Protein backbone atom coordinates (compact mmCIF):
# COMPACT_ATOMS: atom_id res chain seq x y z
CA MET A 1 97.12 189.45 124.66
CA ALA A 2 98.67 185.60 124.55
CA VAL A 3 96.64 183.11 122.22
CA ILE A 4 96.63 179.57 124.29
CA LEU A 5 95.92 177.08 122.14
CA SER A 6 94.09 174.58 123.73
CA ASP A 7 94.96 170.90 124.37
CA CYS A 8 92.84 169.49 121.65
CA ARG A 9 94.42 171.98 118.78
CA MET A 10 97.94 171.40 120.15
CA VAL A 11 97.66 167.89 119.59
CA LEU A 12 96.23 168.77 116.06
CA LEU A 13 98.80 171.19 115.16
CA LYS A 14 101.56 168.61 115.98
CA THR A 15 100.34 166.15 113.89
CA THR A 16 100.25 168.75 110.84
CA LEU A 17 103.50 169.05 111.67
CA ALA A 18 104.71 165.36 112.13
CA GLY A 19 102.87 164.82 108.39
CA ILE A 20 104.57 167.61 107.05
CA GLY A 21 107.96 166.20 108.61
CA LEU A 22 107.24 162.57 106.93
CA LEU A 23 106.28 163.91 103.54
CA VAL A 24 109.46 166.05 103.46
CA LEU A 25 111.74 163.05 104.74
CA GLY A 26 109.83 160.97 101.83
CA VAL A 27 110.56 163.62 99.14
CA LEU A 28 114.07 163.53 99.89
CA LEU A 29 114.27 159.38 100.19
CA VAL A 30 112.68 159.33 97.10
CA THR A 31 114.32 161.97 95.00
CA ALA A 32 117.81 162.82 96.61
CA LEU A 33 118.97 160.59 99.57
CA GLY A 34 117.78 157.07 97.94
CA GLN A 35 121.11 157.48 95.40
CA TYR A 36 123.61 157.55 97.93
CA VAL A 37 122.81 154.53 99.59
CA THR A 38 124.31 151.66 97.38
CA VAL A 39 124.03 147.67 97.80
CA GLU A 40 126.99 145.79 96.29
CA VAL A 41 125.87 143.45 93.37
CA ARG A 42 128.21 140.76 92.17
CA GLU A 43 127.35 139.39 88.33
CA VAL A 44 128.76 136.46 86.96
CA GLN A 45 128.90 136.36 83.43
CA ARG A 46 130.41 133.27 81.78
CA GLN A 47 133.36 133.98 79.17
CA SER A 48 133.77 131.33 76.35
CA VAL A 49 137.52 130.53 76.00
CA GLU A 50 137.56 127.73 73.40
CA PRO A 51 133.50 127.09 72.15
CA HIS A 52 134.87 124.05 70.73
CA VAL A 53 138.16 122.65 69.64
CA GLU A 54 138.83 118.86 68.02
CA PHE A 55 142.32 117.23 67.93
CA LEU A 56 144.14 113.83 67.90
CA VAL A 57 146.14 112.79 70.62
CA GLY A 58 148.87 110.41 69.95
CA ASP A 59 151.22 110.25 72.97
CA PHE A 60 150.01 113.73 74.79
CA ALA A 61 148.63 116.89 73.62
CA ASP A 62 149.36 120.59 75.03
CA ARG A 63 146.30 123.23 75.34
CA PRO A 64 147.48 126.56 76.71
CA TYR A 65 145.42 129.15 78.02
CA SER A 66 145.57 132.26 79.53
CA LEU A 67 142.87 132.27 82.14
CA PRO A 68 141.97 135.27 85.07
CA ALA A 69 142.76 134.85 88.71
CA SER A 70 140.42 133.16 91.23
CA SER A 71 138.10 132.32 88.50
CA GLN A 72 135.97 128.77 87.96
CA VAL A 73 136.89 127.31 84.93
CA LEU A 74 134.79 124.81 83.42
CA GLY A 75 134.05 122.97 80.32
CA ASN A 76 133.44 119.54 78.74
CA ILE A 77 135.56 116.56 77.27
CA ILE A 78 134.38 114.47 74.74
CA ILE A 79 137.32 111.31 73.53
CA ALA A 80 136.85 108.74 71.05
CA GLN A 81 139.18 105.97 70.11
CA ALA A 82 140.86 106.27 66.62
CA PRO A 83 140.18 105.14 63.80
CA SER A 84 137.09 103.27 65.45
CA ASN A 85 135.40 106.10 67.06
CA GLN A 86 134.49 103.65 69.87
CA THR A 87 134.47 105.57 73.24
CA GLY A 88 138.10 105.96 74.22
CA ASP A 89 139.82 106.70 78.01
CA ILE A 90 142.62 109.00 78.70
CA ARG A 91 144.61 110.85 81.43
CA PHE A 92 143.42 114.79 81.65
CA LEU A 93 145.50 116.92 83.60
CA VAL A 94 145.40 121.04 84.30
CA PHE A 95 148.81 122.49 85.61
CA ASP A 96 149.61 126.19 85.66
CA ALA A 97 153.24 127.14 83.93
CA ASP A 98 155.82 126.26 86.39
CA ASN A 99 154.28 123.15 87.21
CA TYR A 100 153.88 122.43 83.31
CA GLN A 101 157.50 122.89 83.12
CA ARG A 102 158.42 120.38 86.01
CA TRP A 103 156.09 117.84 84.43
CA LEU A 104 157.81 117.70 81.22
CA SER A 105 160.90 117.25 82.22
CA GLY A 106 159.75 114.29 84.66
CA SER A 107 159.96 115.95 87.79
CA GLN A 108 157.34 116.00 90.79
CA ALA A 109 154.75 118.50 89.73
CA ASP A 110 151.67 119.76 91.07
CA PHE A 111 148.28 119.53 89.25
CA ILE A 112 145.27 121.72 89.29
CA TYR A 113 143.02 118.88 87.94
CA SER A 114 143.69 115.60 87.17
CA ALA A 115 141.08 113.10 85.88
CA ASP A 116 141.26 109.45 84.09
CA LYS A 117 137.88 109.30 82.49
CA GLN A 118 135.98 107.45 79.25
CA GLY A 119 133.89 109.08 76.81
CA GLN A 120 132.18 112.35 78.11
CA PHE A 121 132.62 114.16 81.05
CA ASN A 122 132.71 117.92 82.55
CA TYR A 123 135.47 119.23 84.59
CA THR A 124 135.44 122.42 86.75
CA PHE A 125 138.22 123.79 88.89
CA THR A 126 139.60 127.00 90.26
CA THR A 127 142.45 128.96 89.25
CA GLY A 128 144.59 130.51 91.52
CA THR A 129 146.82 133.15 89.80
CA ALA A 130 146.44 134.78 86.16
CA GLY A 131 148.42 133.36 83.95
CA ILE A 132 148.75 130.65 81.23
CA TYR A 133 147.36 127.00 82.02
CA HIS A 134 147.72 123.97 80.25
CA PHE A 135 145.59 121.43 79.29
CA VAL A 136 147.07 118.13 78.93
CA PHE A 137 146.00 115.13 77.30
CA ASP A 138 148.51 112.12 78.53
CA ASN A 139 147.48 108.97 76.10
CA ARG A 140 150.40 107.26 77.12
CA ALA A 141 148.83 104.47 78.34
CA SER A 142 147.12 103.42 75.41
CA VAL A 143 148.23 102.15 71.88
CA TYR A 144 145.46 103.40 70.00
CA LYS A 145 145.35 107.39 69.07
CA LYS A 146 142.25 109.47 70.94
CA TYR A 147 140.07 111.90 68.99
CA VAL A 148 139.37 114.75 71.55
CA THR A 149 136.64 117.40 71.34
CA LEU A 150 137.37 120.10 74.05
CA THR A 151 135.11 123.71 75.08
CA VAL A 152 136.77 125.91 77.79
CA ALA A 153 134.85 128.85 79.14
CA TYR A 154 135.09 130.58 82.80
CA ASP A 155 133.09 132.40 84.83
CA GLU A 156 133.77 135.95 85.47
CA VAL A 157 132.38 137.55 89.05
CA THR A 158 131.92 141.52 88.45
CA THR A 159 130.69 143.43 91.78
CA SER A 160 129.02 147.00 91.75
CA ARG A 161 127.30 149.03 93.67
CA VAL A 162 123.60 150.16 92.24
CA PRO A 163 120.91 152.40 94.51
CA ASP A 164 119.15 150.47 96.97
CA VAL A 165 115.82 150.29 95.42
CA ARG A 166 114.28 149.47 99.18
CA VAL A 167 115.26 153.42 99.98
CA SER A 168 112.43 154.36 97.76
CA TYR A 169 110.34 151.93 98.89
CA VAL A 170 110.56 153.48 102.42
CA GLY A 171 110.29 157.21 100.65
CA TRP A 172 107.09 156.47 99.17
CA VAL A 173 105.22 154.66 102.27
CA LEU A 174 106.69 157.95 104.16
CA LEU A 175 104.76 160.27 101.71
CA VAL A 176 101.42 158.01 101.72
CA ALA A 177 102.05 158.06 105.38
CA GLY A 178 102.98 161.68 105.60
CA GLY A 179 100.04 162.82 103.78
CA LEU A 180 97.38 160.84 105.49
CA ILE A 181 98.64 162.82 109.14
CA PHE A 182 98.86 166.05 107.19
CA VAL A 183 95.36 165.97 105.85
CA TYR A 184 94.06 164.43 109.44
CA GLY A 185 95.68 167.73 111.08
CA LEU A 186 94.25 169.73 108.73
CA VAL A 187 90.74 168.42 108.44
CA LYS A 188 89.99 167.06 112.18
CA ARG A 189 88.06 169.73 113.79
CA PRO A 190 88.67 170.05 117.39
CA PRO A 191 85.13 169.11 119.75
CA ALA A 192 83.13 172.31 120.56
CA SER A 193 83.58 173.63 124.50
CA TRP A 194 79.92 174.37 125.87
CA ALA A 195 80.66 177.22 128.39
């Protein structure tokens, strides 16, 4: 003799099974599957190349630094006239290795950064390829020597993949919803049929 469930009991059974399904999916998202869903995270760290250096510039001075590719280089320059320590001006140029050799020989050279500044100023530029970059302080237009204080740093960007925390939040929502639906399916009594 086959037992046929009433429509109401069938709905409650389906509700209970749906609750169990949501609970299982929620547990999987919180524990196992959440680790495999990742997002890319970019982190920027400032690397100091020259935290603080002071030097005297006669005609010109060259400070070579090895820098990585595609990095934003930044720093600060303070210029003072020798021997009075009054604010002075200087021409500041940045070259890659090839263009620096051209500039030294008097040929046409392309600079990466150029500034004719006085006193204190900040600079920022982006490197193309990894290699040696020459920070040139050209003082040939002045009869006075200059004291220069220089800082050099670059921003290093690293990317990594980390588990997406939003997946575990979805898992917890599914656990709560699945638990409520499961309990409702078990506790709800079908209406009594009076025949």
